[in-house]
């Protein structure tokens, strides 16, 4: 399910009435029970179909019932655990206007709000309220400056930084190519920061940039020093979620 999906000619479903109408318009497979699942209009293929389950209308893609419409105008999105663009395209074809499943099923957009999807199923009410065990949250991670400063001071970074700012301009044009530079573990880097005789080797290493070095130190000892502050957001305004936000369980 990693390929692009061609839904041309199928039509769109934006309400329960439209879902029922598509089921009624679909032609049953020859020889099959006429009340059983039917192929989508213009799609005579077994890998997708529409059927009635009681009063619900269910749209299937491969082995997953991706969209289920109910009489109360609510609908459920079930990704089946597939994080693919084709699942997004199929689902979005049977959702209300201004509702989309995007980012390989990780984001659900409703009007001008974006919700995080971390599980298989989320349900959207007639008013646009989102619920279900698949609903997650967006987590923003920011550096706690005071704690980061304490960490860097403890490993000798400020002294190294001052030395680096003087020495690096002198060697910048003679630095080895990136693939020729030595790589060191975070543990080794901590030891090198505390040993002035190792500073030159660290400066010309794969992690030469100060920003890169700080990031490695934050990841290595950040939890111990409380370097990261986390805030969660149930939803994000707009369709462009900041790259610094990650999807997590609510």
Protein backbone atom coordinates (compact mmCIF):
# COMPACT_ATOMS: atom_id res chain seq x y z
CA UNK A 1 0.00 0.00 0.00
CA UNK A 2 2.80 2.42 -0.83
CA UNK A 3 1.67 3.42 -4.31
CA UNK A 4 -0.50 6.33 -5.40
CA UNK A 5 -4.19 5.49 -5.56
CA UNK A 6 -6.34 6.30 -8.60
CA UNK A 7 -9.88 7.15 -7.46
CA UNK A 8 -10.87 8.94 -10.65
CA UNK A 9 -14.55 8.65 -11.49
CA UNK A 10 -15.57 7.17 -8.14
CA UNK A 11 -17.17 10.32 -6.78
CA UNK A 12 -16.93 11.78 -3.30
CA UNK A 13 -18.83 11.09 -0.08
CA UNK A 14 -19.26 14.02 2.29
CA UNK A 15 -22.25 12.91 4.37
CA UNK A 16 -24.17 9.86 5.52
CA UNK A 17 -26.81 10.41 2.82
CA UNK A 18 -24.09 10.53 0.17
CA UNK A 19 -22.60 7.31 1.56
CA UNK A 20 -25.95 5.52 1.29
CA UNK A 21 -26.43 6.92 -2.21
CA UNK A 22 -23.05 5.56 -3.31
CA UNK A 23 -23.92 2.12 -1.94
CA UNK A 24 -27.27 2.19 -3.77
CA UNK A 25 -25.52 3.29 -6.97
CA UNK A 26 -22.92 0.53 -6.78
CA UNK A 27 -23.64 -2.57 -8.86
CA UNK A 28 -23.39 -5.89 -6.97
CA UNK A 29 -20.95 -8.49 -8.20
CA UNK A 30 -22.64 -10.92 -10.58
CA UNK A 31 -23.72 -14.00 -8.68
CA UNK A 32 -23.10 -12.44 -5.26
CA UNK A 33 -25.70 -11.67 -2.63
CA UNK A 34 -27.07 -8.25 -3.69
CA UNK A 35 -27.06 -7.14 -0.05
CA UNK A 36 -23.37 -8.00 0.40
CA UNK A 37 -20.40 -5.76 -0.27
CA UNK A 38 -20.36 -4.08 -3.65
CA UNK A 39 -17.49 -2.71 -5.75
CA UNK A 40 -17.15 1.07 -5.77
CA UNK A 41 -18.70 2.79 -8.79
CA UNK A 42 -16.34 2.55 -11.82
CA UNK A 43 -13.98 0.33 -9.76
CA UNK A 44 -14.55 -3.30 -10.63
CA UNK A 45 -11.85 -4.55 -8.31
CA UNK A 46 -11.94 -6.67 -5.19
CA UNK A 47 -9.39 -4.62 -3.24
CA UNK A 48 -11.98 -1.97 -2.35
CA UNK A 49 -15.69 -1.96 -1.77
CA UNK A 50 -18.72 -0.53 0.03
CA UNK A 51 -21.27 -2.38 2.18
CA UNK A 52 -24.02 -1.79 4.72
CA UNK A 53 -23.53 -3.03 8.28
CA UNK A 54 -26.90 -2.43 9.87
CA UNK A 55 -27.50 1.22 9.10
CA UNK A 56 -23.77 2.04 8.86
CA UNK A 57 -22.04 2.46 5.50
CA UNK A 58 -18.54 1.01 5.41
CA UNK A 59 -15.84 1.70 2.82
CA UNK A 60 -13.12 -0.95 2.66
CA UNK A 61 -9.61 -0.72 1.22
CA UNK A 62 -7.77 -4.06 1.04
CA UNK A 63 -8.37 -5.72 4.44
CA UNK A 64 -9.24 -2.52 6.34
CA UNK A 65 -12.64 -0.87 6.84
CA UNK A 66 -11.17 2.62 6.45
CA UNK A 67 -14.32 4.76 6.70
CA UNK A 68 -17.58 4.02 8.52
CA UNK A 69 -20.47 6.49 8.26
CA UNK A 70 -23.34 6.50 10.77
CA UNK A 71 -26.87 7.87 10.67
CA UNK A 72 -26.01 10.56 13.23
CA UNK A 73 -23.55 12.01 10.65
CA UNK A 74 -20.50 10.88 12.61
CA UNK A 75 -17.82 8.85 10.89
CA UNK A 76 -14.84 6.75 11.97
CA UNK A 77 -11.45 6.63 10.28
CA UNK A 78 -9.56 3.35 10.69
CA UNK A 79 -6.03 3.31 9.27
CA UNK A 80 -5.53 -0.35 10.06
CA UNK A 81 -2.04 0.58 11.15
CA UNK A 82 -0.99 1.45 7.60
CA UNK A 83 1.06 4.65 7.37
CA UNK A 84 0.76 5.14 3.62
CA UNK A 85 -0.29 7.87 1.25
CA UNK A 86 -2.73 5.57 -0.53
CA UNK A 87 -4.62 5.02 2.74
CA UNK A 88 -4.85 8.81 3.12
CA UNK A 89 -6.15 9.21 -0.42
CA UNK A 90 -8.77 6.52 0.02
CA UNK A 91 -9.98 7.86 3.37
CA UNK A 92 -10.10 11.50 2.27
CA UNK A 93 -12.32 10.52 -0.66
CA UNK A 94 -15.09 9.55 1.77
CA UNK A 95 -14.80 12.33 4.35
CA UNK A 96 -16.67 15.66 4.62
CA UNK A 97 -15.48 18.74 2.81
CA UNK A 98 -12.41 20.33 4.42
CA UNK A 99 -11.58 17.06 6.18
CA UNK A 100 -8.39 15.23 5.16
CA UNK A 101 -6.12 12.46 6.38
CA UNK A 102 -2.52 13.45 5.60
CA UNK A 103 1.15 12.90 6.47
CA UNK A 104 0.90 9.15 5.92
CA UNK A 105 -2.09 8.91 8.32
CA UNK A 106 -0.36 10.87 11.13
CA UNK A 107 -2.44 14.06 10.75
CA UNK A 108 -6.19 14.56 10.55
CA UNK A 109 -7.18 17.99 9.25
CA UNK A 110 -10.63 19.37 10.04
CA UNK A 111 -11.25 22.85 8.69
CA UNK A 112 -8.37 24.95 10.05
CA UNK A 113 -7.25 22.53 12.77
CA UNK A 114 -4.82 19.62 12.64
CA UNK A 115 -5.12 16.62 15.00
CA UNK A 116 -2.54 13.93 15.73
CA UNK A 117 -3.37 10.31 14.89
CA UNK A 118 -1.36 7.70 16.80
CA UNK A 119 -3.65 4.65 16.73
CA UNK A 120 -5.92 2.88 14.31
CA UNK A 121 -9.29 4.55 14.91
CA UNK A 122 -10.60 8.06 15.48
CA UNK A 123 -14.23 9.16 15.32
CA UNK A 124 -15.43 12.56 14.18
CA UNK A 125 -18.86 13.76 15.32
CA UNK A 126 -21.32 15.75 13.26
CA UNK A 127 -19.96 18.94 14.86
CA UNK A 128 -16.34 18.03 14.16
CA UNK A 129 -15.39 16.84 17.66
CA UNK A 130 -12.65 14.19 17.48
CA UNK A 131 -12.38 11.23 19.86
CA UNK A 132 -11.20 7.63 20.03
CA UNK A 133 -8.23 5.61 21.21
CA UNK A 134 -6.30 6.55 18.07
CA UNK A 135 -6.35 10.27 18.89
CA UNK A 136 -2.98 11.58 20.02
CA UNK A 137 -1.43 14.95 20.73
CA UNK A 138 1.36 17.13 19.43
CA UNK A 139 4.34 17.51 21.71
CA UNK A 140 6.62 20.51 21.54
CA UNK A 141 10.16 20.06 22.86
CA UNK A 142 12.12 23.15 23.86
CA UNK A 143 15.46 23.65 25.55
CA UNK A 144 15.39 24.76 29.18
CA UNK A 145 18.15 27.35 28.98
CA UNK A 146 19.06 27.35 32.67
CA UNK A 147 19.43 23.58 32.86
CA UNK A 148 21.25 23.43 29.54
CA UNK A 149 23.71 26.04 30.77
CA UNK A 150 24.35 23.97 33.90
CA UNK A 151 24.97 20.83 31.84
CA UNK A 152 27.38 22.57 29.47
CA UNK A 153 29.27 24.15 32.36
CA UNK A 154 29.71 20.77 34.05
CA UNK A 155 31.31 19.19 30.97
CA UNK A 156 33.62 22.11 30.21
CA UNK A 157 31.85 23.34 27.09
CA UNK A 158 32.15 27.13 27.75
CA UNK A 159 35.95 26.98 27.85
CA UNK A 160 36.04 24.83 24.73
CA UNK A 161 33.63 27.20 22.94
CA UNK A 162 35.84 30.23 23.66
CA UNK A 163 38.92 28.35 22.43
CA UNK A 164 37.02 27.08 19.36
CA UNK A 165 35.89 30.58 18.35
CA UNK A 166 39.52 31.70 18.27
CA UNK A 167 41.01 28.63 16.60
CA UNK A 168 38.36 27.50 14.12
CA UNK A 169 38.74 30.48 11.72
CA UNK A 170 42.41 29.54 11.39
CA UNK A 171 41.72 25.95 10.30
CA UNK A 172 38.36 26.27 8.60
CA UNK A 173 39.78 26.27 5.06
CA UNK A 174 42.01 23.27 5.71
CA UNK A 175 39.43 21.07 7.42
CA UNK A 176 39.22 17.46 6.16
CA UNK A 177 36.25 16.48 4.01
CA UNK A 178 33.25 15.32 6.04
CA UNK A 179 33.73 11.67 5.07
CA UNK A 180 37.38 11.88 6.12
CA UNK A 181 36.70 13.13 9.64
CA UNK A 182 36.76 11.06 12.79
CA UNK A 183 33.50 10.24 14.53
CA UNK A 184 33.29 10.01 18.29
CA UNK A 185 30.63 8.72 20.65
CA UNK A 186 28.88 11.12 23.02
CA UNK A 187 30.77 9.53 25.92
CA UNK A 188 34.07 10.17 24.15
CA UNK A 189 33.09 13.76 23.43
CA UNK A 190 32.45 14.44 27.11
CA UNK A 191 35.93 13.16 27.95
CA UNK A 192 37.45 15.24 25.14
CA UNK A 193 35.73 18.43 26.35
CA UNK A 194 37.38 17.93 29.74
CA UNK A 195 40.82 17.34 28.21
CA UNK A 196 42.36 20.39 26.51
CA UNK A 197 44.81 18.17 24.66
CA UNK A 198 41.82 16.61 22.83
CA UNK A 199 40.17 19.86 21.78
CA UNK A 200 41.86 20.04 18.38
CA UNK A 201 40.79 16.50 17.52
CA UNK A 202 37.23 17.36 18.52
CA UNK A 203 37.27 20.57 16.50
CA UNK A 204 38.24 18.78 13.27
CA UNK A 205 35.93 15.80 13.88
CA UNK A 206 32.64 14.92 12.23
CA UNK A 207 30.86 16.84 15.01
CA UNK A 208 32.88 20.01 14.53
CA UNK A 209 30.01 22.50 14.57
CA UNK A 210 29.22 23.87 18.03
CA UNK A 211 25.48 23.52 17.45
CA UNK A 212 25.96 19.85 16.56
CA UNK A 213 28.06 19.28 19.66
CA UNK A 214 25.45 20.90 21.91
CA UNK A 215 22.67 18.80 20.40
CA UNK A 216 24.61 15.61 21.01
CA UNK A 217 25.25 16.61 24.61
CA UNK A 218 21.58 17.46 25.15
CA UNK A 219 20.52 14.08 23.80
CA UNK A 220 23.20 12.25 25.82
CA UNK A 221 22.71 13.85 29.23
CA UNK A 222 19.63 16.00 28.74
CA UNK A 223 17.27 13.81 30.75
CA UNK A 224 19.63 13.80 33.76
CA UNK A 225 19.83 17.60 33.75
CA UNK A 226 16.23 18.30 32.73
CA UNK A 227 17.34 20.03 29.55
CA UNK A 228 14.05 19.51 27.72
CA UNK A 229 10.71 21.15 28.52
CA UNK A 230 7.70 19.43 26.94
CA UNK A 231 4.26 20.88 26.25
CA UNK A 232 1.36 19.03 24.68
CA UNK A 233 -1.26 20.40 22.32
CA UNK A 234 -4.53 18.59 21.59
CA UNK A 235 -4.58 20.22 18.18
CA UNK A 236 -2.66 22.77 16.14
CA UNK A 237 -4.13 25.73 14.27
CA UNK A 238 -3.58 25.57 10.53
CA UNK A 239 -2.29 22.76 8.35
CA UNK A 240 1.44 23.32 8.76
CA UNK A 241 2.55 21.68 12.00
CA UNK A 242 5.95 23.00 13.18
CA UNK A 243 8.75 20.56 12.45
CA UNK A 244 9.79 20.67 16.10
CA UNK A 245 6.45 19.08 17.09
CA UNK A 246 6.24 15.31 17.42
CA UNK A 247 3.17 13.09 17.57
CA UNK A 248 2.60 11.33 20.89
CA UNK A 249 -0.17 9.62 22.83
CA UNK A 250 -2.57 12.03 24.50
